[in-house]
């Protein structure tokens, strides 16, 4: 898994607990390993795979997932 890869979340993810909006895909920003733990940092992408989630401040929010919470779909399609 590398930067730019498209990943699918094994469980839909809501960036805001009270939001009805769920995400099933992300784009890898980085893979971070510390000891036996590996986390994958991603930007959330919507169902069409084109729009990256931005938070209420307009920033592209970064989220962290464990390797067993995602599956790699390979290189992301070009924008």
C-alpha atoms as a PDB file:
ATOM      1  CA  UNK A   1       0.000   0.000   0.000  1.00  0.00           C
ATOM      2  CA  UNK A   2       1.379   3.403  -0.974  1.00  0.00           C
ATOM      3  CA  UNK A   3       0.488   7.070  -1.217  1.00  0.00           C
ATOM      4  CA  UNK A   4      -2.311   7.652  -3.731  1.00  0.00           C
ATOM      5  CA  UNK A   5      -3.801   4.134  -3.478  1.00  0.00           C
ATOM      6  CA  UNK A   6      -7.571   3.871  -3.214  1.00  0.00           C
ATOM      7  CA  UNK A   7      -8.811   1.913  -0.175  1.00  0.00           C
ATOM      8  CA  UNK A   8     -12.215   0.589   0.806  1.00  0.00           C
ATOM      9  CA  UNK A   9     -13.289   0.639   4.451  1.00  0.00           C
ATOM     10  CA  UNK A  10     -14.604  -2.666   5.753  1.00  0.00           C
ATOM     11  CA  UNK A  11     -17.245  -0.715   7.722  1.00  0.00           C
ATOM     12  CA  UNK A  12     -18.780   2.571   6.504  1.00  0.00           C
ATOM     13  CA  UNK A  13     -17.263   5.553   8.319  1.00  0.00           C
ATOM     14  CA  UNK A  14     -18.975   8.772   9.435  1.00  0.00           C
ATOM     15  CA  UNK A  15     -16.561  11.654  10.078  1.00  0.00           C
ATOM     16  CA  UNK A  16     -19.154  13.317  12.317  1.00  0.00           C
ATOM     17  CA  UNK A  17     -21.061  11.009  14.645  1.00  0.00           C
ATOM     18  CA  UNK A  18     -24.377  12.831  14.129  1.00  0.00           C
ATOM     19  CA  UNK A  19     -24.010  13.015  10.343  1.00  0.00           C
ATOM     20  CA  UNK A  20     -26.070  10.826   8.019  1.00  0.00           C
ATOM     21  CA  UNK A  21     -23.153  10.979   5.525  1.00  0.00           C
ATOM     22  CA  UNK A  22     -21.035   7.813   5.473  1.00  0.00           C
ATOM     23  CA  UNK A  23     -17.861   7.107   3.507  1.00  0.00           C
ATOM     24  CA  UNK A  24     -16.678   3.759   2.188  1.00  0.00           C
ATOM     25  CA  UNK A  25     -13.515   4.854   0.367  1.00  0.00           C
ATOM     26  CA  UNK A  26     -10.351   6.800   1.028  1.00  0.00           C
ATOM     27  CA  UNK A  27      -7.104   7.806  -0.660  1.00  0.00           C
ATOM     28  CA  UNK A  28      -3.872   6.894   1.128  1.00  0.00           C
ATOM     29  CA  UNK A  29      -1.774   9.837   2.270  1.00  0.00           C
ATOM     30  CA  UNK A  30       0.796   7.858   4.249  1.00  0.00           C
ATOM     31  CA  UNK A  31       1.409   4.540   5.992  1.00  0.00           C
ATOM     32  CA  UNK A  32       2.867   4.880   9.488  1.00  0.00           C
ATOM     33  CA  UNK A  33       4.396   1.978  11.412  1.00  0.00           C
ATOM     34  CA  UNK A  34       5.388   2.032  15.056  1.00  0.00           C
ATOM     35  CA  UNK A  35       6.433  -1.233  16.615  1.00  0.00           C
ATOM     36  CA  UNK A  36       3.872  -3.853  15.644  1.00  0.00           C
ATOM     37  CA  UNK A  37       1.163  -1.297  14.858  1.00  0.00           C
ATOM     38  CA  UNK A  38       0.586   0.069  11.350  1.00  0.00           C
ATOM     39  CA  UNK A  39      -1.831   2.891  10.628  1.00  0.00           C
ATOM     40  CA  UNK A  40      -2.962   4.179   7.263  1.00  0.00           C
ATOM     41  CA  UNK A  41      -3.679   7.912   6.954  1.00  0.00           C
ATOM     42  CA  UNK A  42      -6.357   8.732   4.388  1.00  0.00           C
ATOM     43  CA  UNK A  43      -8.518  11.435   2.901  1.00  0.00           C
ATOM     44  CA  UNK A  44     -12.168  10.334   2.723  1.00  0.00           C
ATOM     45  CA  UNK A  45     -13.749  10.032  -0.717  1.00  0.00           C
ATOM     46  CA  UNK A  46     -17.442   9.899  -1.515  1.00  0.00           C
ATOM     47  CA  UNK A  47     -19.245   7.092  -3.297  1.00  0.00           C
ATOM     48  CA  UNK A  48     -18.502   8.457  -6.774  1.00  0.00           C
ATOM     49  CA  UNK A  49     -14.805   8.287  -5.845  1.00  0.00           C
ATOM     50  CA  UNK A  50     -14.174  11.833  -6.983  1.00  0.00           C
ATOM     51  CA  UNK A  51     -14.962  14.242  -4.147  1.00  0.00           C
ATOM     52  CA  UNK A  52     -12.659  14.390  -1.122  1.00  0.00           C
ATOM     53  CA  UNK A  53     -14.367  15.198   2.198  1.00  0.00           C
ATOM     54  CA  UNK A  54     -13.634  18.620   3.684  1.00  0.00           C
ATOM     55  CA  UNK A  55     -14.473  19.497   7.277  1.00  0.00           C
ATOM     56  CA  UNK A  56     -16.451  22.491   8.509  1.00  0.00           C
ATOM     57  CA  UNK A  57     -13.350  24.728   8.216  1.00  0.00           C
ATOM     58  CA  UNK A  58     -12.836  23.774   4.564  1.00  0.00           C
ATOM     59  CA  UNK A  59      -9.741  21.651   5.271  1.00  0.00           C
ATOM     60  CA  UNK A  60      -9.215  18.190   3.782  1.00  0.00           C
ATOM     61  CA  UNK A  61      -9.500  16.207   7.006  1.00  0.00           C
ATOM     62  CA  UNK A  62      -7.102  13.307   7.577  1.00  0.00           C
ATOM     63  CA  UNK A  63      -8.271  10.094   9.245  1.00  0.00           C
ATOM     64  CA  UNK A  64      -6.338   7.115  10.551  1.00  0.00           C
ATOM     65  CA  UNK A  65      -7.306   3.470  10.081  1.00  0.00           C
ATOM     66  CA  UNK A  66      -5.695   0.217  11.158  1.00  0.00           C
ATOM     67  CA  UNK A  67      -4.617  -2.134   8.366  1.00  0.00           C
ATOM     68  CA  UNK A  68      -7.334  -4.663   9.275  1.00  0.00           C
ATOM     69  CA  UNK A  69     -10.058  -1.998   8.853  1.00  0.00           C
ATOM     70  CA  UNK A  70      -9.382  -1.388   5.158  1.00  0.00           C
ATOM     71  CA  UNK A  71      -8.636  -3.149   1.906  1.00  0.00           C
ATOM     72  CA  UNK A  72      -6.443  -1.761  -0.842  1.00  0.00           C
ATOM     73  CA  UNK A  73      -8.110  -1.237  -4.224  1.00  0.00           C
ATOM     74  CA  UNK A  74      -4.840  -0.231  -5.934  1.00  0.00           C
ATOM     75  CA  UNK A  75      -3.917   2.946  -7.756  1.00  0.00           C
ATOM     76  CA  UNK A  76      -6.594   5.574  -7.672  1.00  0.00           C
ATOM     77  CA  UNK A  77      -8.107   6.576 -10.999  1.00  0.00           C
ATOM     78  CA  UNK A  78      -6.687   9.820 -12.366  1.00  0.00           C
ATOM     79  CA  UNK A  79      -8.687  12.939 -11.582  1.00  0.00           C
END
